[in-house]
Amino acid sequence: MSKADWQEKDYRDSFVDSFLDTRVALQLRTLREARGLTQGQLAARCGMKQSRISRMEDPNYGSWNIRTLERLAAALDVGVTVRFVSFGEVFNDSAKLTKDALDVPSFDADPEFIRPMNVLRFEGREYRPLGTQQTGMASADSTRPEAAEVAILTLVAVAR
């Protein structure tokens, strides 16, 4: 595939269609396997048959619909988006079909939503991880989460 091929509209349309089918199928399989699920277990979570999951994990499957993708996303505890993008973005994304690129964390492991460390209460004072403190802890580099963990652990050790 070269950028010169993309000059032909039929090539672009065919490539995008094939890429979408391949990416969704490979990502579905990657997410299922990363969660240690069999096709049957995922099917049960979605209210589908195992054979349907098997078909959808085939890169040649092309009968996607939004509702099915939403059911799969809910069963895998991830989000799903559908958007229009430039051909350049499709071209660049086509080089990123690796397990690492296709695997996304479930909600519980999503760094955007991981719960902060609990507040430590000692002798009527609250101690929070650095960067979120309200009282009682000296400031330090809040861009280094390990600094907060060390400070909290030190406090715990002293408190005993």
C-alpha atoms as a PDB file:
ATOM      1  CA  MET A   1       0.000   0.000   0.000  1.00  0.00           C
ATOM      2  CA  SER A   2       1.421   3.327  -0.989  1.00  0.00           C
ATOM      3  CA  LYS A   3       0.029   6.807  -0.784  1.00  0.00           C
ATOM      4  CA  ALA A   4      -0.149   6.835  -4.567  1.00  0.00           C
ATOM      5  CA  ASP A   5      -2.799   4.087  -4.406  1.00  0.00           C
ATOM      6  CA  TRP A   6      -4.988   6.399  -2.354  1.00  0.00           C
ATOM      7  CA  GLN A   7      -5.445   8.740  -5.313  1.00  0.00           C
ATOM      8  CA  GLU A   8      -8.127   6.369  -6.660  1.00  0.00           C
ATOM      9  CA  LYS A   9     -11.495   6.798  -4.921  1.00  0.00           C
ATOM     10  CA  ASP A  10     -12.428   3.122  -5.350  1.00  0.00           C
ATOM     11  CA  TYR A  11      -9.189   2.107  -3.640  1.00  0.00           C
ATOM     12  CA  ARG A  12      -9.798   4.481  -0.715  1.00  0.00           C
ATOM     13  CA  ASP A  13     -13.363   3.306  -0.213  1.00  0.00           C
ATOM     14  CA  SER A  14     -12.405  -0.348  -0.407  1.00  0.00           C
ATOM     15  CA  PHE A  15      -9.470   0.107   1.948  1.00  0.00           C
ATOM     16  CA  VAL A  16     -11.534   1.960   4.568  1.00  0.00           C
ATOM     17  CA  ASP A  17     -14.260  -0.698   4.439  1.00  0.00           C
ATOM     18  CA  SER A  18     -11.761  -3.528   4.833  1.00  0.00           C
ATOM     19  CA  PHE A  19      -9.758  -1.710   7.522  1.00  0.00           C
ATOM     20  CA  LEU A  20     -12.846  -1.021   9.625  1.00  0.00           C
ATOM     21  CA  ASP A  21     -13.919  -4.678   9.511  1.00  0.00           C
ATOM     22  CA  THR A  22     -10.413  -5.880  10.334  1.00  0.00           C
ATOM     23  CA  ARG A  23      -9.820  -3.431  13.144  1.00  0.00           C
ATOM     24  CA  VAL A  24     -13.124  -4.110  14.903  1.00  0.00           C
ATOM     25  CA  ALA A  25     -12.703  -7.894  14.603  1.00  0.00           C
ATOM     26  CA  LEU A  26      -9.113  -7.840  15.864  1.00  0.00           C
ATOM     27  CA  GLN A  27      -9.908  -5.450  18.690  1.00  0.00           C
ATOM     28  CA  LEU A  28     -12.874  -7.538  19.790  1.00  0.00           C
ATOM     29  CA  ARG A  29     -10.686 -10.630  19.961  1.00  0.00           C
ATOM     30  CA  THR A  30      -7.850  -8.748  21.682  1.00  0.00           C
ATOM     31  CA  LEU A  31     -10.162  -7.336  24.363  1.00  0.00           C
ATOM     32  CA  ARG A  32     -11.871 -10.682  24.953  1.00  0.00           C
ATOM     33  CA  GLU A  33      -8.563 -12.525  25.311  1.00  0.00           C
ATOM     34  CA  ALA A  34      -7.053  -9.797  27.533  1.00  0.00           C
ATOM     35  CA  ARG A  35      -9.953 -10.324  29.931  1.00  0.00           C
ATOM     36  CA  GLY A  36      -9.486 -14.088  29.897  1.00  0.00           C
ATOM     37  CA  LEU A  37     -12.903 -14.701  28.372  1.00  0.00           C
ATOM     38  CA  THR A  38     -13.893 -17.446  25.984  1.00  0.00           C
ATOM     39  CA  GLN A  39     -16.162 -16.629  23.068  1.00  0.00           C
ATOM     40  CA  GLY A  40     -18.937 -18.416  24.945  1.00  0.00           C
ATOM     41  CA  GLN A  41     -18.433 -16.333  28.090  1.00  0.00           C
ATOM     42  CA  LEU A  42     -18.479 -13.080  26.117  1.00  0.00           C
ATOM     43  CA  ALA A  43     -21.553 -14.260  24.250  1.00  0.00           C
ATOM     44  CA  ALA A  44     -23.335 -14.945  27.538  1.00  0.00           C
ATOM     45  CA  ARG A  45     -22.500 -11.449  28.789  1.00  0.00           C
ATOM     46  CA  CYS A  46     -23.957  -9.971  25.580  1.00  0.00           C
ATOM     47  CA  GLY A  47     -26.978 -12.251  25.317  1.00  0.00           C
ATOM     48  CA  MET A  48     -25.656 -13.689  22.053  1.00  0.00           C
ATOM     49  CA  LYS A  49     -24.597 -17.092  20.803  1.00  0.00           C
ATOM     50  CA  GLN A  50     -20.928 -18.124  20.773  1.00  0.00           C
ATOM     51  CA  SER A  51     -21.114 -18.626  17.012  1.00  0.00           C
ATOM     52  CA  ARG A  52     -21.998 -14.950  16.561  1.00  0.00           C
ATOM     53  CA  ILE A  53     -18.943 -13.849  18.554  1.00  0.00           C
ATOM     54  CA  SER A  54     -16.847 -16.179  16.398  1.00  0.00           C
ATOM     55  CA  ARG A  55     -18.228 -14.599  13.212  1.00  0.00           C
ATOM     56  CA  MET A  56     -17.633 -11.078  14.540  1.00  0.00           C
ATOM     57  CA  GLU A  57     -13.991 -11.909  15.340  1.00  0.00           C
ATOM     58  CA  ASP A  58     -13.461 -12.829  11.690  1.00  0.00           C
ATOM     59  CA  PRO A  59     -11.876  -9.869   9.823  1.00  0.00           C
ATOM     60  CA  ASN A  60     -14.085 -10.735   6.826  1.00  0.00           C
ATOM     61  CA  TYR A  61     -17.257 -10.095   8.836  1.00  0.00           C
ATOM     62  CA  GLY A  62     -18.817  -6.859   7.673  1.00  0.00           C
ATOM     63  CA  SER A  63     -22.303  -6.666   9.165  1.00  0.00           C
ATOM     64  CA  TRP A  64     -21.595  -4.359  12.086  1.00  0.00           C
ATOM     65  CA  ASN A  65     -24.287  -2.236  13.636  1.00  0.00           C
ATOM     66  CA  ILE A  66     -24.028   0.344  16.378  1.00  0.00           C
ATOM     67  CA  ARG A  67     -26.311  -1.491  18.829  1.00  0.00           C
ATOM     68  CA  THR A  68     -24.214  -4.673  18.606  1.00  0.00           C
ATOM     69  CA  LEU A  69     -21.015  -2.693  19.176  1.00  0.00           C
ATOM     70  CA  GLU A  70     -22.630  -1.031  22.210  1.00  0.00           C
ATOM     71  CA  ARG A  71     -23.592  -4.442  23.652  1.00  0.00           C
ATOM     72  CA  LEU A  72     -20.054  -5.737  23.144  1.00  0.00           C
ATOM     73  CA  ALA A  73     -18.563  -2.596  24.716  1.00  0.00           C
ATOM     74  CA  ALA A  74     -20.846  -2.930  27.747  1.00  0.00           C
ATOM     75  CA  ALA A  75     -19.911  -6.601  28.165  1.00  0.00           C
ATOM     76  CA  LEU A  76     -16.195  -5.715  27.977  1.00  0.00           C
ATOM     77  CA  ASP A  77     -16.651  -2.645  30.228  1.00  0.00           C
ATOM     78  CA  VAL A  78     -15.245  -0.216  27.671  1.00  0.00           C
ATOM     79  CA  GLY A  79     -16.660   2.633  25.636  1.00  0.00           C
ATOM     80  CA  VAL A  80     -17.269   2.669  21.911  1.00  0.00           C
ATOM     81  CA  THR A  81     -17.230   5.652  19.590  1.00  0.00           C
ATOM     82  CA  VAL A  82     -18.010   6.032  15.922  1.00  0.00           C
ATOM     83  CA  ARG A  83     -16.668   9.063  14.113  1.00  0.00           C
ATOM     84  CA  PHE A  84     -15.736  10.303  10.682  1.00  0.00           C
ATOM     85  CA  VAL A  85     -12.019  10.824  10.105  1.00  0.00           C
ATOM     86  CA  SER A  86      -9.692  11.909   7.337  1.00  0.00           C
ATOM     87  CA  PHE A  87      -8.177   9.365   4.981  1.00  0.00           C
ATOM     88  CA  GLY A  88      -4.797  10.374   6.395  1.00  0.00           C
ATOM     89  CA  GLU A  89      -5.890   9.219   9.841  1.00  0.00           C
ATOM     90  CA  VAL A  90      -7.065   5.883   8.429  1.00  0.00           C
ATOM     91  CA  PHE A  91      -3.769   5.509   6.580  1.00  0.00           C
ATOM     92  CA  ASN A  92      -1.780   6.161   9.774  1.00  0.00           C
ATOM     93  CA  ASP A  93      -4.032   3.972  11.948  1.00  0.00           C
ATOM     94  CA  SER A  94      -3.614   1.059   9.564  1.00  0.00           C
ATOM     95  CA  ALA A  95      -0.006   0.747  10.721  1.00  0.00           C
ATOM     96  CA  LYS A  96      -1.136   0.441  14.357  1.00  0.00           C
ATOM     97  CA  LEU A  97      -2.897  -2.925  14.366  1.00  0.00           C
ATOM     98  CA  THR A  98      -0.917  -4.360  17.257  1.00  0.00           C
ATOM     99  CA  LYS A  99      -2.264  -5.979  20.420  1.00  0.00           C
ATOM    100  CA  ASP A 100      -0.906  -3.094  22.484  1.00  0.00           C
ATOM    101  CA  ALA A 101      -2.687  -0.534  20.318  1.00  0.00           C
ATOM    102  CA  LEU A 102      -5.958  -2.497  20.246  1.00  0.00           C
ATOM    103  CA  ASP A 103      -6.136  -3.330  23.944  1.00  0.00           C
ATOM    104  CA  VAL A 104      -7.842  -0.758  26.138  1.00  0.00           C
ATOM    105  CA  PRO A 105      -8.437  -0.999  29.869  1.00  0.00           C
ATOM    106  CA  SER A 106     -11.818  -1.767  31.341  1.00  0.00           C
ATOM    107  CA  PHE A 107     -13.326   0.934  33.525  1.00  0.00           C
ATOM    108  CA  ASP A 108     -11.774  -0.420  36.730  1.00  0.00           C
ATOM    109  CA  ALA A 109      -8.287  -0.215  35.214  1.00  0.00           C
ATOM    110  CA  ASP A 110      -8.782   3.044  33.292  1.00  0.00           C
ATOM    111  CA  PRO A 111      -6.147   5.540  34.517  1.00  0.00           C
ATOM    112  CA  GLU A 112      -8.622   8.370  34.003  1.00  0.00           C
ATOM    113  CA  PHE A 113     -10.954   6.880  36.609  1.00  0.00           C
ATOM    114  CA  ILE A 114      -8.741   5.035  39.072  1.00  0.00           C
ATOM    115  CA  ARG A 115      -9.731   6.102  42.549  1.00  0.00           C
ATOM    116  CA  PRO A 116      -7.174   8.192  44.397  1.00  0.00           C
ATOM    117  CA  MET A 117      -5.511   6.781  47.472  1.00  0.00           C
ATOM    118  CA  ASN A 118      -7.667   7.003  50.566  1.00  0.00           C
ATOM    119  CA  VAL A 119      -7.182   9.849  52.949  1.00  0.00           C
ATOM    120  CA  LEU A 120      -5.083   8.882  55.947  1.00  0.00           C
ATOM    121  CA  ARG A 121      -6.449  10.168  59.251  1.00  0.00           C
ATOM    122  CA  PHE A 122      -4.087  10.343  62.201  1.00  0.00           C
ATOM    123  CA  GLU A 123      -4.638  12.188  65.471  1.00  0.00           C
ATOM    124  CA  GLY A 124      -7.448  14.292  64.051  1.00  0.00           C
ATOM    125  CA  ARG A 125      -5.569  15.387  60.929  1.00  0.00           C
ATOM    126  CA  GLU A 126      -6.073  14.322  57.308  1.00  0.00           C
ATOM    127  CA  TYR A 127      -3.150  13.359  55.102  1.00  0.00           C
ATOM    128  CA  ARG A 128      -3.750  13.098  51.362  1.00  0.00           C
ATOM    129  CA  PRO A 129      -1.493  12.084  48.482  1.00  0.00           C
ATOM    130  CA  LEU A 130       0.635  14.981  47.264  1.00  0.00           C
ATOM    131  CA  GLY A 131      -1.105  17.143  44.717  1.00  0.00           C
ATOM    132  CA  THR A 132      -4.504  16.629  46.401  1.00  0.00           C
ATOM    133  CA  GLN A 133      -3.605  17.596  49.962  1.00  0.00           C
ATOM    134  CA  GLN A 134      -5.790  19.873  52.023  1.00  0.00           C
ATOM    135  CA  THR A 135      -3.992  19.828  55.343  1.00  0.00           C
ATOM    136  CA  GLY A 136      -0.994  18.502  57.125  1.00  0.00           C
ATOM    137  CA  MET A 137       1.510  17.382  54.458  1.00  0.00           C
ATOM    138  CA  ALA A 138       4.523  19.237  53.157  1.00  0.00           C
ATOM    139  CA  SER A 139       4.421  19.921  49.453  1.00  0.00           C
ATOM    140  CA  ALA A 140       6.636  18.081  46.999  1.00  0.00           C
ATOM    141  CA  ASP A 141       6.724  17.288  43.319  1.00  0.00           C
ATOM    142  CA  SER A 142       3.054  16.433  42.612  1.00  0.00           C
ATOM    143  CA  THR A 143       3.951  15.114  39.162  1.00  0.00           C
ATOM    144  CA  ARG A 144       5.639  12.140  40.857  1.00  0.00           C
ATOM    145  CA  PRO A 145       2.924   9.919  42.379  1.00  0.00           C
ATOM    146  CA  GLU A 146       5.539   7.734  44.021  1.00  0.00           C
ATOM    147  CA  ALA A 147       6.548  10.731  46.174  1.00  0.00           C
ATOM    148  CA  ALA A 148       3.053  10.800  47.681  1.00  0.00           C
ATOM    149  CA  GLU A 149       3.160   7.079  48.328  1.00  0.00           C
ATOM    150  CA  VAL A 150       6.526   7.384  50.084  1.00  0.00           C
ATOM    151  CA  ALA A 151       5.265  10.261  52.225  1.00  0.00           C
ATOM    152  CA  ILE A 152       2.117   8.365  53.207  1.00  0.00           C
ATOM    153  CA  LEU A 153       4.085   5.193  53.934  1.00  0.00           C
ATOM    154  CA  THR A 154       6.531   7.145  56.054  1.00  0.00           C
ATOM    155  CA  LEU A 155       3.661   8.674  58.008  1.00  0.00           C
ATOM    156  CA  VAL A 156       2.169   5.251  58.626  1.00  0.00           C
ATOM    157  CA  ALA A 157       5.508   3.899  59.811  1.00  0.00           C
ATOM    158  CA  VAL A 158       5.988   6.819  62.219  1.00  0.00           C
ATOM    159  CA  ALA A 159       2.416   6.564  63.492  1.00  0.00           C
ATOM    160  CA  ARG A 160       2.922   3.008  64.743  1.00  0.00           C
END
